[in-house]
Amino acid sequence: MPESPPPGPDGQRLSWDPRRQPCIPTVTVDGATAHHSLCALLAEADELAAVDCTSPGETVAVIEYLMAICFASRTAPSSDEEWRAWIVGQRDLASAAAWLDSQPDDAWDLFHPSVPLAQNSRLAKDLIESGTGTAQLVIEHAGDYNQHFDHHHLELNNPLPAADAFRATLTQHIYGPYGRARMPGKELGAKVTNLAAGRLTGRVRVVALGQTLGETLRLNLYPPDGPADFLNTSWTTAGVDRRTFDEKPRPRVPRSSADLHSALGRSVLLHPERGPHGQIVVDKVLIGAGELLELDPERHLQDAVFHATTNNTRKPLWPSPSRALWQEAHALYSAVRDDRIGLYARLRALPYERRGSGAPYQLWAVGLLANKTLPVTWTHGTYPYAPGMAAHLYRASRRGSDIAEHIARSLKNAAIVAAETAFPAMRDADEAGQVARLDARWAFWPAAESPFHELLDEVVDRGPQDDDPVSEPLITYAQELLTTGRTQLLQRLDTLPPNDRNHRARARAERLFEDAMADAQAPAELRGEIARD
């Protein structure tokens, strides 16, 4: 097995173990921030509120990795009934921490020469020739994955602390977009340059959040699929038959839940160095193709919220550049209300328990927006859930989304009428720009999100003992959005210079908007009425 080049002038091998090094940013239950090692995270999980990484995707990656450790250590419920008992009884995760602490040190060394943690040491020769700066490792910093674009920023000398590089590697394994690797592939084979999209790329991952990190992990653990003791600690772990890069690979079925949540979706190799203060940093990285998995929706996508597409196929809810994630909250509540198996069916089976103010649980949805091979931004949102209230929350979120859609559509139509009246001689090529000047939707949508979340919180606060916790909050929400939409429309129309034609444009746009709000086809709540679903 080829070894990595010596990291320092003295040739001394550097090692770093995330089990014992403080590497994960956390928030404690009393609000303090700290960093914890993997062992400490699991041992103190019920004293920590959450992990708090630099991006939503990185936080999901850490949670996935902690779940993999729990499965590998047999710290997981054996049935849905036991899962419920774990949640109600607040079962601790000390056994996972003890198992992790007892594992061989070599298997958990981020810079081991032959079995580096979560990496592929077979990239060592290519790393010497083709390694780049650390910007390639961080999804938000890498830029377009297509190798033919200008990537001078990748050569910048910007070392990453070992802890940051470890978390970024975990994120690459599950969220890395497709594209072409920036390496020649002459050592391992040409297919090492073909990057496939990661396991969670292109879909929304939903994490059930509890009041502590321990509760969050218990909520998302499930009766394991397959044998427990298989964790992907390295590409070259003994006894594991990995793919080669000489030909197109066949996707493999994960052998277990531990395998699934620790799968190596990339071949990564990190080069360590001493920082100016003696700390261990990563100064060079190389990324190539990783494993491909064949996933069964029922077995391997416990959290997925399935949507029907235009050709009547079903696919997991995906992040959209044109539709805000909160507008799809009703899909989450529909899953909790209706799913027969998986995460949402288990959540529905929990007993209702009032724990101070607010919802006892949250559904945190996270997705990576990308333009083909270019990662654009993380999109995420948190939605309250209380057992026994899925139907109420579905109704509130569905009606709330419909109300916002109706107002936004009316704002667009008002802008079109105003533009046609104010600029009757405009060319077709100019029409889109003139309408955009008067279109209040771009200000309306961001302003509508906060009232939507307040609507859901109000429904949860009323509780399942209220026969109808939705109707009155919906009317209040609708009237607030109506006022917002009306105000923003007038602000756009105020940009028209005062003259007879523009006065007519303004009057026509206002009349169209008000008529749309009072129309019989408008949501009843906009007319101050209770909808009869």
Protein backbone atom coordinates (compact mmCIF):
# COMPACT_ATOMS: atom_id res chain seq x y z
CA MET A 1 0.00 0.00 0.00
CA PRO A 2 1.59 3.35 -0.97
CA GLU A 3 2.21 5.74 1.87
CA SER A 4 1.52 9.46 1.91
CA PRO A 5 4.54 11.72 1.48
CA PRO A 6 6.11 12.81 4.76
CA PRO A 7 4.21 15.80 6.12
CA GLY A 8 7.14 17.73 7.57
CA PRO A 9 10.81 18.37 6.93
CA ASP A 10 11.79 15.87 9.62
CA GLY A 11 9.67 13.13 8.02
CA GLN A 12 7.79 12.50 11.28
CA ARG A 13 4.32 11.07 10.70
CA LEU A 14 1.50 13.17 12.09
CA SER A 15 -1.62 11.59 13.56
CA TRP A 16 -4.97 13.00 14.67
CA ASP A 17 -7.89 11.12 16.23
CA PRO A 18 -11.38 12.72 16.20
CA ARG A 19 -12.54 10.34 18.93
CA ARG A 20 -10.45 12.24 21.45
CA GLN A 21 -9.75 15.60 19.80
CA PRO A 22 -12.35 18.40 20.22
CA CYS A 23 -13.56 18.59 16.64
CA ILE A 24 -17.34 19.17 16.60
CA PRO A 25 -18.82 22.63 17.46
CA THR A 26 -21.66 22.23 19.95
CA VAL A 27 -24.23 24.21 21.92
CA THR A 28 -24.90 23.05 25.48
CA VAL A 29 -28.36 22.99 27.03
CA ASP A 30 -27.56 26.21 28.88
CA GLY A 31 -26.61 27.97 25.64
CA ALA A 32 -22.80 27.89 25.89
CA THR A 33 -20.72 26.96 22.84
CA ALA A 34 -17.86 24.47 22.90
CA HIS A 35 -16.08 21.80 20.85
CA HIS A 36 -16.41 18.10 21.64
CA SER A 37 -14.68 14.94 20.49
CA LEU A 38 -16.78 12.13 19.01
CA CYS A 39 -16.57 10.13 22.25
CA ALA A 40 -17.55 13.14 24.33
CA LEU A 41 -20.46 13.93 22.01
CA LEU A 42 -21.99 10.51 22.58
CA ALA A 43 -21.16 10.31 26.30
CA GLU A 44 -22.61 13.78 27.00
CA ALA A 45 -25.34 13.78 24.32
CA ASP A 46 -28.13 14.60 26.75
CA GLU A 47 -26.22 17.56 28.16
CA LEU A 48 -25.81 19.12 24.70
CA ALA A 49 -28.58 20.94 22.84
CA ALA A 50 -27.17 20.39 19.35
CA VAL A 51 -24.13 20.24 17.12
CA ASP A 52 -23.57 23.60 15.43
CA CYS A 53 -21.35 23.30 12.38
CA THR A 54 -20.44 25.90 9.76
CA SER A 55 -23.23 24.89 7.34
CA PRO A 56 -26.51 22.95 7.53
CA GLY A 57 -25.04 20.25 5.31
CA GLU A 58 -22.03 19.80 7.57
CA THR A 59 -24.32 19.49 10.60
CA VAL A 60 -26.33 16.79 8.80
CA ALA A 61 -23.08 14.99 7.90
CA VAL A 62 -21.99 14.90 11.55
CA ILE A 63 -25.40 13.59 12.65
CA GLU A 64 -25.22 10.91 9.94
CA TYR A 65 -21.77 9.87 11.20
CA LEU A 66 -22.90 9.70 14.81
CA MET A 67 -25.83 7.54 13.70
CA ALA A 68 -23.39 5.22 11.88
CA ILE A 69 -21.34 4.85 15.09
CA CYS A 70 -24.50 4.06 17.06
CA PHE A 71 -25.50 1.38 14.58
CA ALA A 72 -21.99 -0.11 14.49
CA SER A 73 -21.90 -0.28 18.30
CA ARG A 74 -25.36 -1.90 18.45
CA THR A 75 -26.73 1.18 20.17
CA ALA A 76 -30.02 1.16 18.31
CA PRO A 77 -33.56 -0.01 19.07
CA SER A 78 -34.47 -3.47 17.81
CA SER A 79 -38.08 -2.61 16.95
CA ASP A 80 -40.46 0.32 16.59
CA GLU A 81 -41.84 -0.48 20.03
CA GLU A 82 -38.36 -0.37 21.57
CA TRP A 83 -37.67 2.88 19.68
CA ARG A 84 -40.72 4.43 21.36
CA ALA A 85 -39.50 3.21 24.75
CA TRP A 86 -36.07 4.72 24.07
CA ILE A 87 -37.64 8.11 23.36
CA VAL A 88 -40.01 8.06 26.34
CA GLY A 89 -37.35 6.66 28.71
CA GLN A 90 -34.53 8.89 27.39
CA ARG A 91 -32.13 5.97 26.86
CA ASP A 92 -28.55 7.22 27.06
CA LEU A 93 -25.91 6.58 24.39
CA ALA A 94 -23.04 5.72 26.72
CA SER A 95 -22.61 2.28 25.14
CA ALA A 96 -21.82 3.92 21.78
CA ALA A 97 -19.20 6.16 23.44
CA ALA A 98 -17.60 3.16 25.21
CA TRP A 99 -17.52 1.11 22.00
CA LEU A 100 -15.95 3.96 20.07
CA ASP A 101 -13.31 4.55 22.72
CA SER A 102 -12.32 0.86 22.62
CA GLN A 103 -11.71 0.73 18.88
CA PRO A 104 -8.15 0.30 17.50
CA ASP A 105 -6.31 3.61 17.31
CA ASP A 106 -5.05 2.98 13.76
CA ALA A 107 -8.62 2.75 12.45
CA TRP A 108 -9.37 6.26 13.72
CA ASP A 109 -6.23 8.11 12.63
CA LEU A 110 -7.12 10.79 10.09
CA PHE A 111 -3.57 10.68 8.70
CA HIS A 112 -2.69 6.99 8.88
CA PRO A 113 -0.48 6.13 5.86
CA SER A 114 -2.46 3.06 4.74
CA VAL A 115 -5.91 3.28 6.39
CA PRO A 116 -6.58 7.03 6.86
CA LEU A 117 -9.98 7.65 8.43
CA ALA A 118 -12.75 8.18 5.82
CA GLN A 119 -10.16 8.35 3.02
CA ASN A 120 -8.55 6.42 0.17
CA SER A 121 -4.77 6.06 0.61
CA ARG A 122 -4.49 4.75 -2.97
CA LEU A 123 -4.61 8.37 -4.11
CA ALA A 124 -1.18 9.01 -2.54
CA LYS A 125 0.86 9.17 -5.77
CA ASP A 126 -1.72 11.35 -7.49
CA LEU A 127 -1.85 13.63 -4.45
CA ILE A 128 1.83 14.46 -4.93
CA GLU A 129 1.26 15.47 -8.57
CA SER A 130 -2.31 16.78 -8.57
CA GLY A 131 -3.18 17.84 -5.03
CA THR A 132 -4.68 21.30 -4.66
CA GLY A 133 -5.35 23.73 -1.85
CA THR A 134 -8.08 23.01 0.67
CA ALA A 135 -10.79 25.05 -1.09
CA GLN A 136 -11.57 21.91 -3.11
CA LEU A 137 -12.57 20.05 0.05
CA VAL A 138 -15.22 22.52 1.27
CA ILE A 139 -18.33 22.26 -0.91
CA GLU A 140 -19.20 25.95 -0.55
CA HIS A 141 -15.67 27.00 -1.58
CA ALA A 142 -14.94 24.58 -4.43
CA GLY A 143 -16.90 26.30 -7.19
CA ASP A 144 -17.93 24.45 -10.33
CA TYR A 145 -16.78 20.82 -10.28
CA ASN A 146 -16.17 20.87 -14.04
CA GLN A 147 -12.40 20.61 -14.43
CA HIS A 148 -12.25 22.80 -17.56
CA PHE A 149 -13.12 26.03 -15.75
CA ASP A 150 -10.58 28.43 -14.26
CA HIS A 151 -9.83 27.34 -10.71
CA HIS A 152 -6.91 29.47 -9.57
CA HIS A 153 -8.50 29.79 -6.12
CA LEU A 154 -7.86 26.09 -5.56
CA GLU A 155 -4.12 26.67 -5.59
CA LEU A 156 -4.25 29.22 -2.76
CA ASN A 157 -2.32 28.24 0.34
CA ASN A 158 -5.14 28.23 2.86
CA PRO A 159 -4.56 25.37 5.34
CA LEU A 160 -7.53 23.96 7.21
CA PRO A 161 -7.40 22.85 10.85
CA ALA A 162 -7.61 19.06 11.05
CA ALA A 163 -11.05 19.25 12.71
CA ASP A 164 -12.46 21.41 9.90
CA ALA A 165 -10.98 19.09 7.26
CA PHE A 166 -12.52 16.06 8.98
CA ARG A 167 -16.01 17.58 8.99
CA ALA A 168 -15.65 18.78 5.38
CA THR A 169 -14.66 15.25 4.34
CA LEU A 170 -17.80 13.80 5.95
CA THR A 171 -19.85 16.41 4.08
CA GLN A 172 -18.21 15.54 0.75
CA HIS A 173 -19.12 11.89 1.17
CA ILE A 174 -22.86 12.54 1.26
CA TYR A 175 -23.38 15.90 -0.49
CA GLY A 176 -20.66 16.12 -3.14
CA PRO A 177 -22.21 17.12 -6.53
CA TYR A 178 -21.50 15.25 -9.72
CA GLY A 179 -18.86 16.44 -12.19
CA ARG A 180 -15.30 15.75 -13.25
CA ALA A 181 -12.56 15.22 -10.70
CA ARG A 182 -9.48 17.42 -10.92
CA MET A 183 -6.98 14.59 -11.23
CA PRO A 184 -5.52 12.58 -14.16
CA GLY A 185 -6.56 9.09 -13.07
CA LYS A 186 -3.43 7.47 -14.48
CA GLU A 187 -2.71 5.56 -11.26
CA LEU A 188 -6.12 4.11 -10.38
CA GLY A 189 -7.92 4.21 -13.72
CA ALA A 190 -9.84 6.74 -15.80
CA LYS A 191 -13.15 6.24 -13.97
CA VAL A 192 -11.74 7.78 -10.79
CA THR A 193 -12.36 11.15 -12.46
CA ASN A 194 -16.13 10.57 -12.82
CA LEU A 195 -17.72 12.09 -9.72
CA ALA A 196 -21.23 10.85 -8.99
CA ALA A 197 -23.68 12.88 -6.93
CA GLY A 198 -23.62 12.07 -3.23
CA ARG A 199 -26.29 10.06 -1.44
CA LEU A 200 -28.16 13.16 -0.21
CA THR A 201 -27.40 15.44 -3.17
CA GLY A 202 -30.55 16.34 -5.06
CA ARG A 203 -33.00 15.58 -2.27
CA VAL A 204 -34.16 17.13 0.97
CA ARG A 205 -32.89 15.34 4.08
CA VAL A 206 -35.26 15.62 7.05
CA VAL A 207 -33.85 15.30 10.57
CA ALA A 208 -36.19 15.05 13.56
CA LEU A 209 -34.84 17.37 16.24
CA GLY A 210 -35.37 16.85 19.95
CA GLN A 211 -34.57 19.05 22.92
CA THR A 212 -31.04 17.60 23.24
CA LEU A 213 -28.52 16.01 20.90
CA GLY A 214 -29.21 12.69 22.61
CA GLU A 215 -32.92 12.94 21.86
CA THR A 216 -32.19 13.98 18.28
CA LEU A 217 -30.05 10.88 17.74
CA ARG A 218 -32.65 8.61 19.37
CA LEU A 219 -35.40 10.07 17.19
CA ASN A 220 -33.45 9.37 14.00
CA LEU A 221 -32.12 5.93 14.90
CA TYR A 222 -34.29 3.04 13.77
CA PRO A 223 -34.38 -0.77 13.91
CA PRO A 224 -31.13 -1.58 12.05
CA ASP A 225 -31.07 -3.07 8.58
CA GLY A 226 -28.41 -5.78 8.35
CA PRO A 227 -25.54 -6.73 10.69
CA ALA A 228 -24.35 -4.04 13.08
CA ASP A 229 -20.58 -4.28 13.10
CA PHE A 230 -19.64 -2.77 9.74
CA LEU A 231 -18.38 0.81 9.62
CA ASN A 232 -16.56 2.39 6.70
CA THR A 233 -13.49 3.66 8.51
CA SER A 234 -11.28 3.64 5.41
CA TRP A 235 -11.33 2.74 1.73
CA THR A 236 -8.65 0.11 2.41
CA THR A 237 -10.20 -1.49 5.48
CA ALA A 238 -9.41 -5.21 5.42
CA GLY A 239 -12.13 -7.55 4.22
CA VAL A 240 -14.07 -4.97 2.21
CA ASP A 241 -14.29 -5.44 -1.56
CA ARG A 242 -14.29 -1.89 -2.93
CA ARG A 243 -14.95 -0.87 -6.51
CA THR A 244 -12.12 -0.32 -8.97
CA PHE A 245 -11.83 2.59 -11.39
CA ASP A 246 -11.04 0.71 -14.60
CA GLU A 247 -14.64 0.34 -15.71
CA LYS A 248 -18.11 1.66 -14.93
CA PRO A 249 -19.03 0.34 -11.49
CA ARG A 250 -22.17 -1.41 -10.41
CA PRO A 251 -23.89 0.24 -7.46
CA ARG A 252 -23.71 -1.94 -4.37
CA VAL A 253 -26.47 -2.51 -1.84
CA PRO A 254 -25.45 -1.31 1.64
CA ARG A 255 -24.85 -4.26 3.92
CA SER A 256 -26.16 -2.57 7.03
CA SER A 257 -27.37 0.70 8.51
CA ALA A 258 -23.83 1.40 9.79
CA ASP A 259 -22.52 0.88 6.26
CA LEU A 260 -25.20 3.14 4.75
CA HIS A 261 -24.60 6.10 7.08
CA SER A 262 -20.79 5.91 6.80
CA ALA A 263 -20.54 5.11 3.06
CA LEU A 264 -17.56 6.69 1.29
CA GLY A 265 -19.20 8.64 -1.53
CA ARG A 266 -15.84 10.12 -2.50
CA SER A 267 -12.24 8.99 -2.63
CA VAL A 268 -10.53 11.66 -0.55
CA LEU A 269 -6.95 12.05 0.62
CA LEU A 270 -5.71 14.77 2.97
CA HIS A 271 -2.10 15.87 3.40
CA PRO A 272 -1.17 17.00 6.94
CA GLU A 273 1.31 19.67 7.96
CA ARG A 274 2.33 21.53 11.10
CA GLY A 275 0.77 24.96 11.42
CA PRO A 276 2.65 28.03 12.63
CA HIS A 277 1.74 27.29 16.26
CA GLY A 278 2.43 23.56 16.13
CA GLN A 279 -1.18 22.59 15.42
CA ILE A 280 -1.96 19.94 12.80
CA VAL A 281 -3.50 21.33 9.60
CA VAL A 282 -4.34 20.05 6.12
CA ASP A 283 -2.57 21.91 3.33
CA LYS A 284 -3.30 19.74 0.27
CA VAL A 285 -6.25 17.57 -0.76
CA LEU A 286 -7.28 15.33 -3.63
CA ILE A 287 -10.81 14.16 -4.41
CA GLY A 288 -11.84 11.39 -6.80
CA ALA A 289 -14.86 9.17 -7.42
CA GLY A 290 -16.22 7.13 -4.54
CA GLU A 291 -18.70 4.36 -3.93
CA LEU A 292 -22.07 4.09 -5.65
CA LEU A 293 -24.98 2.73 -3.63
CA GLU A 294 -28.16 1.02 -4.76
CA LEU A 295 -30.77 2.38 -2.39
CA ASP A 296 -34.16 0.88 -1.62
CA PRO A 297 -36.64 3.66 -0.72
CA GLU A 298 -38.28 1.74 2.12
CA ARG A 299 -35.07 0.38 3.64
CA HIS A 300 -32.57 3.19 3.06
CA LEU A 301 -34.57 6.43 2.85
CA GLN A 302 -36.21 6.46 6.26
CA ASP A 303 -36.71 10.24 6.24
CA ALA A 304 -37.64 10.79 2.59
CA VAL A 305 -40.83 12.70 1.75
CA PHE A 306 -42.03 11.40 -1.59
CA HIS A 307 -43.61 13.63 -4.24
CA ALA A 308 -45.33 12.67 -7.47
CA THR A 309 -43.57 14.09 -10.55
CA THR A 310 -45.17 15.17 -13.83
CA ASN A 311 -44.74 11.68 -15.33
CA ASN A 312 -46.46 10.01 -12.36
CA THR A 313 -43.26 8.65 -10.80
CA ARG A 314 -42.44 9.24 -7.15
CA LYS A 315 -39.21 10.83 -5.98
CA PRO A 316 -38.04 12.29 -2.68
CA LEU A 317 -38.75 15.96 -2.07
CA TRP A 318 -35.99 17.97 -3.74
CA PRO A 319 -34.65 21.52 -3.20
CA SER A 320 -36.01 23.99 -5.75
CA PRO A 321 -34.42 27.27 -6.87
CA SER A 322 -37.85 28.75 -7.61
CA ARG A 323 -39.96 27.54 -4.68
CA ALA A 324 -39.05 28.23 -1.05
CA LEU A 325 -38.72 25.18 1.17
CA TRP A 326 -41.34 26.43 3.63
CA GLN A 327 -43.96 26.24 0.87
CA GLU A 328 -43.52 22.46 0.95
CA ALA A 329 -43.96 22.10 4.72
CA HIS A 330 -47.36 20.49 4.13
CA ALA A 331 -45.53 17.56 2.48
CA LEU A 332 -43.71 16.86 5.76
CA TYR A 333 -46.92 16.92 7.75
CA SER A 334 -48.66 14.78 5.16
CA ALA A 335 -45.92 12.17 5.62
CA VAL A 336 -46.35 12.20 9.42
CA ARG A 337 -50.10 11.92 9.01
CA ASP A 338 -50.17 9.16 6.40
CA ASP A 339 -46.93 7.11 6.21
CA ARG A 340 -47.26 3.52 7.36
CA ILE A 341 -43.53 2.85 7.90
CA GLY A 342 -40.34 4.80 8.48
CA LEU A 343 -39.52 7.90 10.51
CA TYR A 344 -42.89 9.62 10.16
CA ALA A 345 -44.95 6.60 11.21
CA ARG A 346 -42.80 6.29 14.34
CA LEU A 347 -43.17 10.01 15.14
CA ARG A 348 -46.94 9.69 14.87
CA ALA A 349 -46.87 6.90 17.47
CA LEU A 350 -45.24 9.04 20.18
CA PRO A 351 -47.41 10.22 23.09
CA TYR A 352 -48.28 13.91 23.30
CA GLU A 353 -46.26 15.64 26.00
CA ARG A 354 -46.22 19.34 26.77
CA ARG A 355 -42.69 20.50 27.54
CA GLY A 356 -42.79 24.21 28.35
CA SER A 357 -43.54 26.54 25.47
CA GLY A 358 -43.22 25.52 21.85
CA ALA A 359 -43.32 22.19 20.09
CA PRO A 360 -41.66 19.15 21.68
CA TYR A 361 -40.07 18.26 18.33
CA GLN A 362 -38.96 19.98 15.14
CA LEU A 363 -38.64 18.67 11.59
CA TRP A 364 -35.46 20.12 10.09
CA ALA A 365 -35.34 19.94 6.29
CA VAL A 366 -31.97 20.49 4.55
CA GLY A 367 -31.06 20.50 0.86
CA LEU A 368 -28.18 21.61 -1.36
CA LEU A 369 -29.18 23.83 -4.27
CA ALA A 370 -26.91 23.31 -7.27
CA ASN A 371 -26.84 24.52 -10.86
CA LYS A 372 -25.69 21.32 -12.54
CA THR A 373 -22.13 20.87 -11.24
CA LEU A 374 -22.05 24.20 -9.38
CA PRO A 375 -23.11 24.14 -5.70
CA VAL A 376 -25.09 27.34 -5.11
CA THR A 377 -26.38 27.43 -1.53
CA TRP A 378 -27.84 25.40 1.31
CA THR A 379 -31.57 25.64 1.79
CA HIS A 380 -33.12 24.61 5.09
CA GLY A 381 -36.09 25.19 7.37
CA THR A 382 -37.39 24.00 10.73
CA TYR A 383 -41.05 23.09 11.25
CA PRO A 384 -42.70 22.29 14.61
CA TYR A 385 -44.28 18.95 15.34
CA ALA A 386 -46.28 17.66 18.28
CA PRO A 387 -47.71 14.11 18.34
CA GLY A 388 -51.40 14.03 17.52
CA MET A 389 -51.27 17.31 15.57
CA ALA A 390 -50.11 16.17 12.13
CA ALA A 391 -53.55 16.69 10.55
CA HIS A 392 -53.88 20.19 12.04
CA LEU A 393 -50.37 21.16 10.96
CA TYR A 394 -50.97 19.76 7.48
CA ARG A 395 -54.12 21.86 7.11
CA ALA A 396 -52.41 25.00 8.40
CA SER A 397 -49.36 24.58 6.16
CA ARG A 398 -51.38 23.60 3.08
CA ARG A 399 -53.82 26.50 3.44
CA GLY A 400 -51.00 28.87 4.40
CA SER A 401 -49.07 27.99 1.26
CA ASP A 402 -52.20 28.36 -0.90
CA ILE A 403 -52.92 31.81 0.55
CA ALA A 404 -49.38 33.00 -0.13
CA GLU A 405 -49.49 31.56 -3.66
CA HIS A 406 -52.77 33.36 -4.42
CA ILE A 407 -51.44 36.72 -3.24
CA ALA A 408 -48.18 36.27 -5.14
CA ARG A 409 -49.99 35.30 -8.34
CA SER A 410 -52.22 38.36 -8.01
CA LEU A 411 -49.19 40.60 -7.51
CA LYS A 412 -47.69 39.26 -10.73
CA ASN A 413 -50.93 39.84 -12.67
CA ALA A 414 -51.18 43.37 -11.26
CA ALA A 415 -47.62 44.08 -12.42
CA ILE A 416 -48.44 42.84 -15.93
CA VAL A 417 -51.53 45.08 -16.17
CA ALA A 418 -49.61 48.10 -14.84
CA ALA A 419 -46.75 47.58 -17.29
CA GLU A 420 -49.09 47.14 -20.27
CA THR A 421 -50.92 50.34 -19.35
CA ALA A 422 -47.88 52.46 -18.50
CA PHE A 423 -45.76 51.26 -21.44
CA PRO A 424 -48.20 50.45 -24.28
CA ALA A 425 -45.53 50.66 -26.95
CA MET A 426 -42.91 48.50 -25.25
CA ARG A 427 -41.17 45.91 -27.38
CA ASP A 428 -41.52 42.21 -26.59
CA ALA A 429 -37.85 42.12 -25.63
CA ASP A 430 -38.44 44.82 -22.99
CA GLU A 431 -41.64 43.40 -21.51
CA ALA A 432 -40.03 41.11 -18.94
CA GLY A 433 -37.89 43.90 -17.57
CA GLN A 434 -40.76 46.41 -17.32
CA VAL A 435 -42.98 43.86 -15.56
CA ALA A 436 -40.15 42.96 -13.16
CA ARG A 437 -39.87 46.63 -12.15
CA LEU A 438 -43.46 46.55 -10.90
CA ASP A 439 -43.58 42.96 -9.63
CA ALA A 440 -43.85 42.93 -5.83
CA ARG A 441 -43.47 39.15 -5.52
CA TRP A 442 -39.72 39.36 -4.95
CA ALA A 443 -40.29 41.41 -1.79
CA PHE A 444 -43.47 39.53 -0.81
CA TRP A 445 -42.05 35.99 -0.65
CA PRO A 446 -39.29 36.69 1.91
CA ALA A 447 -41.74 38.74 4.00
CA ALA A 448 -44.27 35.88 4.02
CA GLU A 449 -41.97 33.28 5.57
CA SER A 450 -41.92 34.60 9.14
CA PRO A 451 -45.75 34.85 9.43
CA PHE A 452 -45.96 31.28 8.09
CA HIS A 453 -43.72 29.98 10.87
CA GLU A 454 -45.69 32.00 13.42
CA LEU A 455 -48.87 30.36 12.11
CA LEU A 456 -47.47 26.87 12.72
CA ASP A 457 -46.21 27.81 16.18
CA GLU A 458 -49.64 29.19 17.10
CA VAL A 459 -51.34 25.96 16.00
CA VAL A 460 -48.94 23.86 18.11
CA ASP A 461 -49.37 26.17 21.14
CA ARG A 462 -53.13 25.63 21.05
CA GLY A 463 -52.54 21.90 21.32
CA PRO A 464 -54.58 18.84 20.29
CA GLN A 465 -57.14 19.53 23.04
CA ASP A 466 -58.45 22.45 20.93
CA ASP A 467 -61.14 21.15 18.57
CA ASP A 468 -60.08 23.62 15.86
CA PRO A 469 -56.63 25.11 16.51
CA VAL A 470 -56.20 26.17 12.86
CA SER A 471 -59.06 28.38 11.61
CA GLU A 472 -58.53 31.54 13.65
CA PRO A 473 -54.72 31.58 13.27
CA LEU A 474 -55.18 31.09 9.50
CA ILE A 475 -57.46 34.14 9.23
CA THR A 476 -54.96 36.25 11.20
CA TYR A 477 -52.12 35.00 8.98
CA ALA A 478 -54.11 35.68 5.78
CA GLN A 479 -54.93 39.23 6.81
CA GLU A 480 -51.27 39.92 7.67
CA LEU A 481 -50.11 38.63 4.29
CA LEU A 482 -52.86 40.61 2.55
CA THR A 483 -51.65 43.81 4.21
CA THR A 484 -48.06 42.99 3.28
CA GLY A 485 -48.93 42.25 -0.35
CA ARG A 486 -51.04 45.40 -0.69
CA THR A 487 -48.31 47.59 0.81
CA GLN A 488 -45.60 46.15 -1.39
CA LEU A 489 -47.72 46.53 -4.52
CA LEU A 490 -48.28 50.23 -3.76
CA GLN A 491 -44.57 50.71 -3.14
CA ARG A 492 -43.80 49.28 -6.59
CA LEU A 493 -46.47 51.39 -8.28
CA ASP A 494 -45.07 54.49 -6.56
CA THR A 495 -41.99 54.18 -8.78
CA LEU A 496 -44.07 55.23 -11.80
CA PRO A 497 -43.68 58.99 -12.53
CA PRO A 498 -46.91 60.97 -11.96
CA ASN A 499 -48.84 61.44 -15.22
CA ASP A 500 -52.25 60.47 -16.58
CA ARG A 501 -51.14 57.21 -18.14
CA ASN A 502 -49.34 56.07 -15.00
CA HIS A 503 -52.29 57.04 -12.83
CA ARG A 504 -54.45 54.76 -14.99
CA ALA A 505 -51.83 52.00 -14.69
CA ARG A 506 -51.84 52.34 -10.94
CA ALA A 507 -55.63 52.32 -10.69
CA ARG A 508 -55.98 49.26 -12.94
CA ALA A 509 -53.32 47.31 -11.00
CA GLU A 510 -54.86 48.14 -7.61
CA ARG A 511 -58.35 47.22 -8.82
CA LEU A 512 -57.18 43.90 -10.26
CA PHE A 513 -55.42 43.02 -7.00
CA GLU A 514 -58.39 43.92 -4.78
CA ASP A 515 -60.80 42.05 -7.04
CA ALA A 516 -58.57 38.98 -6.86
CA MET A 517 -58.58 39.12 -3.06
CA ALA A 518 -62.40 39.30 -2.94
CA ASP A 519 -63.02 36.80 -5.73
CA ALA A 520 -65.08 33.72 -4.92
CA GLN A 521 -62.13 31.55 -6.03
CA ALA A 522 -59.77 33.24 -3.56
CA PRO A 523 -58.93 31.38 -0.31
CA ALA A 524 -61.76 31.97 2.14
CA GLU A 525 -59.38 33.27 4.82
CA LEU A 526 -58.53 36.29 2.66
CA ARG A 527 -62.20 37.26 2.93
CA GLY A 528 -62.11 36.80 6.71
CA GLU A 529 -64.00 33.51 6.49
CA ILE A 530 -63.28 30.02 7.79
CA ALA A 531 -62.47 27.57 5.00
CA ARG A 532 -64.76 24.55 4.89
CA ASP A 533 -62.31 21.83 3.82
